[in-house]
């Protein structure tokens, strides 16, 4: 059975200590992105919060466990008792973010259990292999593929996606503490600063490579 963290001070903490929370209520932005009701967005997921709209967008990522030997469009993603990717049918994904958005493969099928997540893509991604990270991409103003944005916060606990409004708590300042990067969904190098120890768009969020 999948274990869901109810706080960031649970049995498998994702922070080295209690981070500061961004005050005020935020809701998951389900206008800009699609989610499946009942899915769990893992604590420690990179996100973008907007204090004016009070909405939070999610940087969706997933690490490749296996590419089907007979059909490279079928990809199994890493999942465990603590987190699972939240890709849905219709999401466009890439390993390397470049090219036109129209050429980015889309997710056409999602199969998952508590211990497995397998997606089928509209087209195979050349060179995709175990350990690679897939990321959701959107169309930018030039019709090219782009990541939804630069993360300025992370979720502090698991978020259960609800049918209507879905509350999301985030931290934009881990203070003297840090996020255990190895315990949360994959973080792209492009989201980090040159040292790899902080978020590029918010150096107040510190990352730790400790287990």
C-alpha atoms as a PDB file:
ATOM      1  CA  UNK A   1       0.000   0.000   0.000  1.00  0.00           C
ATOM      2  CA  UNK A   2       1.280   3.454  -0.839  1.00  0.00           C
ATOM      3  CA  UNK A   3       2.415   5.393   2.207  1.00  0.00           C
ATOM      4  CA  UNK A   4       1.254   9.013   2.223  1.00  0.00           C
ATOM      5  CA  UNK A   5       3.052  11.618   4.295  1.00  0.00           C
ATOM      6  CA  UNK A   6       0.636  13.771   6.266  1.00  0.00           C
ATOM      7  CA  UNK A   7       3.361  16.244   7.272  1.00  0.00           C
ATOM      8  CA  UNK A   8       7.003  17.010   6.578  1.00  0.00           C
ATOM      9  CA  UNK A   9       7.979  15.630   9.981  1.00  0.00           C
ATOM     10  CA  UNK A  10       6.843  12.046   9.318  1.00  0.00           C
ATOM     11  CA  UNK A  11       8.796   8.785   9.419  1.00  0.00           C
ATOM     12  CA  UNK A  12      10.623   9.589   6.195  1.00  0.00           C
ATOM     13  CA  UNK A  13      11.211  13.342   6.360  1.00  0.00           C
ATOM     14  CA  UNK A  14      11.854  15.159   3.097  1.00  0.00           C
ATOM     15  CA  UNK A  15      13.449  18.169   4.811  1.00  0.00           C
ATOM     16  CA  UNK A  16      16.352  18.241   7.261  1.00  0.00           C
ATOM     17  CA  UNK A  17      14.153  20.397   9.524  1.00  0.00           C
ATOM     18  CA  UNK A  18      10.877  22.314   9.458  1.00  0.00           C
ATOM     19  CA  UNK A  19      10.913  24.864   6.616  1.00  0.00           C
ATOM     20  CA  UNK A  20       9.038  28.142   6.529  1.00  0.00           C
ATOM     21  CA  UNK A  21       5.615  28.015   4.857  1.00  0.00           C
ATOM     22  CA  UNK A  22       4.401  30.621   2.389  1.00  0.00           C
ATOM     23  CA  UNK A  23       1.466  32.221   4.252  1.00  0.00           C
ATOM     24  CA  UNK A  24      -2.039  32.337   2.856  1.00  0.00           C
ATOM     25  CA  UNK A  25      -4.079  29.746   1.027  1.00  0.00           C
ATOM     26  CA  UNK A  26      -3.060  28.351  -2.351  1.00  0.00           C
ATOM     27  CA  UNK A  27      -4.882  26.009  -4.693  1.00  0.00           C
ATOM     28  CA  UNK A  28      -3.628  23.686  -7.408  1.00  0.00           C
ATOM     29  CA  UNK A  29      -3.813  25.331 -10.830  1.00  0.00           C
ATOM     30  CA  UNK A  30      -5.955  22.883 -12.783  1.00  0.00           C
ATOM     31  CA  UNK A  31      -6.552  25.353 -15.608  1.00  0.00           C
ATOM     32  CA  UNK A  32      -2.969  25.360 -16.877  1.00  0.00           C
ATOM     33  CA  UNK A  33      -2.359  21.666 -16.159  1.00  0.00           C
ATOM     34  CA  UNK A  34      -4.354  18.461 -16.003  1.00  0.00           C
ATOM     35  CA  UNK A  35      -4.415  16.073 -13.064  1.00  0.00           C
ATOM     36  CA  UNK A  36      -6.303  12.906 -12.238  1.00  0.00           C
ATOM     37  CA  UNK A  37      -8.626  13.135  -9.251  1.00  0.00           C
ATOM     38  CA  UNK A  38      -7.266  10.840  -6.542  1.00  0.00           C
ATOM     39  CA  UNK A  39      -3.645  11.161  -7.621  1.00  0.00           C
ATOM     40  CA  UNK A  40      -1.095  12.209  -5.021  1.00  0.00           C
ATOM     41  CA  UNK A  41       1.391  14.962  -5.829  1.00  0.00           C
ATOM     42  CA  UNK A  42       4.405  14.015  -3.696  1.00  0.00           C
ATOM     43  CA  UNK A  43       5.804  16.267  -1.018  1.00  0.00           C
ATOM     44  CA  UNK A  44       9.021  17.916  -2.186  1.00  0.00           C
ATOM     45  CA  UNK A  45       7.784  18.364  -5.760  1.00  0.00           C
ATOM     46  CA  UNK A  46       9.062  21.490  -7.492  1.00  0.00           C
ATOM     47  CA  UNK A  47       6.331  24.051  -7.986  1.00  0.00           C
ATOM     48  CA  UNK A  48       5.576  27.636  -8.973  1.00  0.00           C
ATOM     49  CA  UNK A  49       3.360  29.715  -6.723  1.00  0.00           C
ATOM     50  CA  UNK A  50       1.659  32.976  -7.664  1.00  0.00           C
ATOM     51  CA  UNK A  51       0.708  35.260  -4.800  1.00  0.00           C
ATOM     52  CA  UNK A  52      -1.740  37.214  -6.971  1.00  0.00           C
ATOM     53  CA  UNK A  53      -3.757  34.324  -8.369  1.00  0.00           C
ATOM     54  CA  UNK A  54      -3.134  32.121  -5.276  1.00  0.00           C
ATOM     55  CA  UNK A  55      -2.486  29.238  -7.665  1.00  0.00           C
ATOM     56  CA  UNK A  56       0.303  26.650  -7.712  1.00  0.00           C
ATOM     57  CA  UNK A  57       1.657  24.961 -10.827  1.00  0.00           C
ATOM     58  CA  UNK A  58       3.580  21.687 -10.643  1.00  0.00           C
ATOM     59  CA  UNK A  59       6.829  20.750 -12.403  1.00  0.00           C
ATOM     60  CA  UNK A  60       5.902  17.210 -13.476  1.00  0.00           C
ATOM     61  CA  UNK A  61       8.868  14.850 -13.785  1.00  0.00           C
ATOM     62  CA  UNK A  62       9.476  11.117 -13.798  1.00  0.00           C
ATOM     63  CA  UNK A  63      12.591   8.937 -13.908  1.00  0.00           C
ATOM     64  CA  UNK A  64      12.750   6.110 -16.441  1.00  0.00           C
ATOM     65  CA  UNK A  65      12.975   2.633 -14.973  1.00  0.00           C
ATOM     66  CA  UNK A  66      12.715   0.739 -18.260  1.00  0.00           C
ATOM     67  CA  UNK A  67      11.971   1.256 -21.929  1.00  0.00           C
ATOM     68  CA  UNK A  68      10.089  -1.659 -23.452  1.00  0.00           C
ATOM     69  CA  UNK A  69      12.462  -3.680 -25.627  1.00  0.00           C
ATOM     70  CA  UNK A  70       9.775  -4.444 -28.217  1.00  0.00           C
ATOM     71  CA  UNK A  71       7.982  -1.099 -28.230  1.00  0.00           C
ATOM     72  CA  UNK A  72      10.044   1.965 -27.285  1.00  0.00           C
ATOM     73  CA  UNK A  73       6.862   4.009 -26.884  1.00  0.00           C
ATOM     74  CA  UNK A  74       6.068   2.079 -23.688  1.00  0.00           C
ATOM     75  CA  UNK A  75       8.024   3.452 -20.728  1.00  0.00           C
ATOM     76  CA  UNK A  76       8.006   2.284 -17.114  1.00  0.00           C
ATOM     77  CA  UNK A  77       8.724   5.046 -14.590  1.00  0.00           C
ATOM     78  CA  UNK A  78      10.306   4.795 -11.158  1.00  0.00           C
ATOM     79  CA  UNK A  79       7.724   4.626  -8.377  1.00  0.00           C
ATOM     80  CA  UNK A  80       7.890   3.492  -4.777  1.00  0.00           C
ATOM     81  CA  UNK A  81       5.846   3.569  -1.589  1.00  0.00           C
ATOM     82  CA  UNK A  82       6.601   7.273  -1.106  1.00  0.00           C
ATOM     83  CA  UNK A  83       6.056   8.835  -4.508  1.00  0.00           C
ATOM     84  CA  UNK A  84       4.786   8.284  -8.020  1.00  0.00           C
ATOM     85  CA  UNK A  85       4.844  10.538 -11.112  1.00  0.00           C
ATOM     86  CA  UNK A  86       1.638  12.461 -11.885  1.00  0.00           C
ATOM     87  CA  UNK A  87       1.673  12.442 -15.684  1.00  0.00           C
ATOM     88  CA  UNK A  88      -1.767  12.099 -17.267  1.00  0.00           C
ATOM     89  CA  UNK A  89      -3.052  11.305 -20.741  1.00  0.00           C
ATOM     90  CA  UNK A  90      -2.496  14.345 -22.947  1.00  0.00           C
ATOM     91  CA  UNK A  91       0.669  15.581 -21.229  1.00  0.00           C
ATOM     92  CA  UNK A  92       3.541  16.298 -23.622  1.00  0.00           C
ATOM     93  CA  UNK A  93       6.926  15.108 -22.339  1.00  0.00           C
ATOM     94  CA  UNK A  94      10.580  15.256 -23.342  1.00  0.00           C
ATOM     95  CA  UNK A  95      13.969  14.138 -22.095  1.00  0.00           C
ATOM     96  CA  UNK A  96      15.803  17.074 -23.638  1.00  0.00           C
ATOM     97  CA  UNK A  97      13.699  20.204 -23.873  1.00  0.00           C
ATOM     98  CA  UNK A  98      14.150  21.522 -27.411  1.00  0.00           C
ATOM     99  CA  UNK A  99      12.400  21.598 -30.781  1.00  0.00           C
ATOM    100  CA  UNK A 100       8.865  22.525 -31.653  1.00  0.00           C
ATOM    101  CA  UNK A 101       6.067  21.688 -29.262  1.00  0.00           C
ATOM    102  CA  UNK A 102       4.189  19.846 -31.987  1.00  0.00           C
ATOM    103  CA  UNK A 103       7.017  17.299 -32.179  1.00  0.00           C
ATOM    104  CA  UNK A 104       6.989  16.516 -28.444  1.00  0.00           C
ATOM    105  CA  UNK A 105       5.467  13.078 -27.752  1.00  0.00           C
ATOM    106  CA  UNK A 106       2.274  13.006 -25.730  1.00  0.00           C
ATOM    107  CA  UNK A 107       1.128  10.488 -23.148  1.00  0.00           C
ATOM    108  CA  UNK A 108      -1.605   8.360 -24.720  1.00  0.00           C
ATOM    109  CA  UNK A 109      -2.079   5.796 -21.949  1.00  0.00           C
ATOM    110  CA  UNK A 110      -1.295   5.519 -18.242  1.00  0.00           C
ATOM    111  CA  UNK A 111      -1.216   2.237 -16.331  1.00  0.00           C
ATOM    112  CA  UNK A 112      -0.447   2.275 -12.629  1.00  0.00           C
ATOM    113  CA  UNK A 113      -0.667   0.413  -9.384  1.00  0.00           C
ATOM    114  CA  UNK A 114       0.807   1.266  -5.989  1.00  0.00           C
ATOM    115  CA  UNK A 115       4.147  -0.150  -7.148  1.00  0.00           C
ATOM    116  CA  UNK A 116       4.153   0.487 -10.901  1.00  0.00           C
ATOM    117  CA  UNK A 117       3.589   3.285 -13.400  1.00  0.00           C
ATOM    118  CA  UNK A 118       3.775   2.644 -17.114  1.00  0.00           C
ATOM    119  CA  UNK A 119       3.047   5.241 -19.800  1.00  0.00           C
ATOM    120  CA  UNK A 120       2.584   4.868 -23.536  1.00  0.00           C
ATOM    121  CA  UNK A 121       3.783   7.737 -25.727  1.00  0.00           C
ATOM    122  CA  UNK A 122       2.543   8.870 -29.111  1.00  0.00           C
ATOM    123  CA  UNK A 123       6.101   8.491 -30.402  1.00  0.00           C
ATOM    124  CA  UNK A 124       9.328   7.010 -29.093  1.00  0.00           C
ATOM    125  CA  UNK A 125      11.953   9.355 -27.691  1.00  0.00           C
ATOM    126  CA  UNK A 126      15.300   8.712 -29.364  1.00  0.00           C
ATOM    127  CA  UNK A 127      17.983   7.505 -26.980  1.00  0.00           C
ATOM    128  CA  UNK A 128      15.675   7.258 -23.954  1.00  0.00           C
ATOM    129  CA  UNK A 129      17.115   4.840 -21.417  1.00  0.00           C
ATOM    130  CA  UNK A 130      17.036   3.807 -17.773  1.00  0.00           C
ATOM    131  CA  UNK A 131      17.832   6.699 -15.448  1.00  0.00           C
ATOM    132  CA  UNK A 132      16.752   9.453 -17.832  1.00  0.00           C
ATOM    133  CA  UNK A 133      14.226  12.005 -16.586  1.00  0.00           C
ATOM    134  CA  UNK A 134      11.085  12.961 -18.471  1.00  0.00           C
ATOM    135  CA  UNK A 135       9.506  16.364 -17.881  1.00  0.00           C
ATOM    136  CA  UNK A 136       6.180  17.826 -18.927  1.00  0.00           C
ATOM    137  CA  UNK A 137       6.518  20.528 -21.585  1.00  0.00           C
ATOM    138  CA  UNK A 138       4.156  23.203 -22.848  1.00  0.00           C
ATOM    139  CA  UNK A 139       4.064  25.439 -25.934  1.00  0.00           C
ATOM    140  CA  UNK A 140       5.868  28.767 -25.583  1.00  0.00           C
ATOM    141  CA  UNK A 141       5.161  31.980 -27.511  1.00  0.00           C
ATOM    142  CA  UNK A 142       7.292  30.748 -30.415  1.00  0.00           C
ATOM    143  CA  UNK A 143       5.494  27.387 -30.602  1.00  0.00           C
ATOM    144  CA  UNK A 144       8.542  25.638 -29.184  1.00  0.00           C
ATOM    145  CA  UNK A 145       8.556  23.108 -26.349  1.00  0.00           C
ATOM    146  CA  UNK A 146       9.372  24.575 -22.925  1.00  0.00           C
ATOM    147  CA  UNK A 147       9.195  23.602 -19.277  1.00  0.00           C
ATOM    148  CA  UNK A 148       6.205  25.233 -17.599  1.00  0.00           C
ATOM    149  CA  UNK A 149       8.572  27.586 -15.750  1.00  0.00           C
ATOM    150  CA  UNK A 150      11.317  27.942 -13.152  1.00  0.00           C
ATOM    151  CA  UNK A 151      10.355  26.571  -9.750  1.00  0.00           C
ATOM    152  CA  UNK A 152      10.232  29.114  -6.934  1.00  0.00           C
ATOM    153  CA  UNK A 153       9.034  26.728  -4.226  1.00  0.00           C
ATOM    154  CA  UNK A 154       8.402  23.085  -3.335  1.00  0.00           C
ATOM    155  CA  UNK A 155       5.392  21.328  -1.872  1.00  0.00           C
ATOM    156  CA  UNK A 156       5.828  20.543   1.819  1.00  0.00           C
ATOM    157  CA  UNK A 157       3.658  17.414   1.974  1.00  0.00           C
ATOM    158  CA  UNK A 158       1.676  15.083  -0.248  1.00  0.00           C
ATOM    159  CA  UNK A 159      -1.228  16.748  -2.050  1.00  0.00           C
ATOM    160  CA  UNK A 160      -4.353  14.695  -2.745  1.00  0.00           C
ATOM    161  CA  UNK A 161      -5.853  15.906  -6.013  1.00  0.00           C
ATOM    162  CA  UNK A 162      -9.535  16.669  -5.425  1.00  0.00           C
ATOM    163  CA  UNK A 163     -12.394  17.061  -7.876  1.00  0.00           C
ATOM    164  CA  UNK A 164     -12.761  20.769  -7.211  1.00  0.00           C
ATOM    165  CA  UNK A 165     -10.345  23.033  -5.283  1.00  0.00           C
ATOM    166  CA  UNK A 166      -7.159  21.300  -4.130  1.00  0.00           C
ATOM    167  CA  UNK A 167      -5.272  23.100  -1.326  1.00  0.00           C
ATOM    168  CA  UNK A 168      -1.486  23.158  -1.650  1.00  0.00           C
ATOM    169  CA  UNK A 169       1.045  24.203   0.993  1.00  0.00           C
ATOM    170  CA  UNK A 170       4.483  25.277  -0.233  1.00  0.00           C
ATOM    171  CA  UNK A 171       7.769  26.536   1.110  1.00  0.00           C
ATOM    172  CA  UNK A 172       9.829  29.251  -0.558  1.00  0.00           C
ATOM    173  CA  UNK A 173      12.410  29.293   2.237  1.00  0.00           C
ATOM    174  CA  UNK A 174      13.943  26.203   3.804  1.00  0.00           C
ATOM    175  CA  UNK A 175      15.846  28.536   6.197  1.00  0.00           C
ATOM    176  CA  UNK A 176      18.849  26.737   7.707  1.00  0.00           C
ATOM    177  CA  UNK A 177      17.437  23.428   6.496  1.00  0.00           C
ATOM    178  CA  UNK A 178      17.329  21.709   3.104  1.00  0.00           C
ATOM    179  CA  UNK A 179      15.227  19.437   0.930  1.00  0.00           C
ATOM    180  CA  UNK A 180      16.447  15.835   0.660  1.00  0.00           C
ATOM    181  CA  UNK A 181      16.705  15.759  -3.130  1.00  0.00           C
ATOM    182  CA  UNK A 182      17.122  11.977  -3.313  1.00  0.00           C
ATOM    183  CA  UNK A 183      13.809  11.412  -1.513  1.00  0.00           C
ATOM    184  CA  UNK A 184      11.574  13.402  -3.863  1.00  0.00           C
ATOM    185  CA  UNK A 185      10.642  13.398  -7.580  1.00  0.00           C
ATOM    186  CA  UNK A 186      13.555  14.094  -9.960  1.00  0.00           C
ATOM    187  CA  UNK A 187      14.820  17.675 -10.058  1.00  0.00           C
ATOM    188  CA  UNK A 188      16.171  18.808 -13.421  1.00  0.00           C
ATOM    189  CA  UNK A 189      19.656  20.322 -13.462  1.00  0.00           C
ATOM    190  CA  UNK A 190      18.160  23.297 -15.320  1.00  0.00           C
ATOM    191  CA  UNK A 191      16.101  24.107 -12.213  1.00  0.00           C
ATOM    192  CA  UNK A 192      19.215  24.458 -10.039  1.00  0.00           C
ATOM    193  CA  UNK A 193      21.791  27.212  -9.739  1.00  0.00           C
ATOM    194  CA  UNK A 194      25.384  26.736 -10.902  1.00  0.00           C
ATOM    195  CA  UNK A 195      26.352  25.012  -7.635  1.00  0.00           C
ATOM    196  CA  UNK A 196      23.472  22.547  -7.780  1.00  0.00           C
ATOM    197  CA  UNK A 197      22.684  23.288  -4.141  1.00  0.00           C
ATOM    198  CA  UNK A 198      19.821  25.764  -4.563  1.00  0.00           C
ATOM    199  CA  UNK A 199      16.883  26.431  -6.857  1.00  0.00           C
ATOM    200  CA  UNK A 200      17.912  28.745  -9.681  1.00  0.00           C
ATOM    201  CA  UNK A 201      14.794  30.901  -9.348  1.00  0.00           C
ATOM    202  CA  UNK A 202      14.842  30.922  -5.547  1.00  0.00           C
ATOM    203  CA  UNK A 203      18.159  30.488  -3.697  1.00  0.00           C
ATOM    204  CA  UNK A 204      16.258  30.367  -0.402  1.00  0.00           C
ATOM    205  CA  UNK A 205      15.329  26.756  -1.226  1.00  0.00           C
ATOM    206  CA  UNK A 206      18.356  24.639  -0.415  1.00  0.00           C
ATOM    207  CA  UNK A 207      18.931  21.096  -1.700  1.00  0.00           C
ATOM    208  CA  UNK A 208      20.715  18.259   0.076  1.00  0.00           C
ATOM    209  CA  UNK A 209      22.255  15.184  -1.537  1.00  0.00           C
ATOM    210  CA  UNK A 210      22.224  13.286   1.775  1.00  0.00           C
ATOM    211  CA  UNK A 211      20.075  10.201   2.094  1.00  0.00           C
END
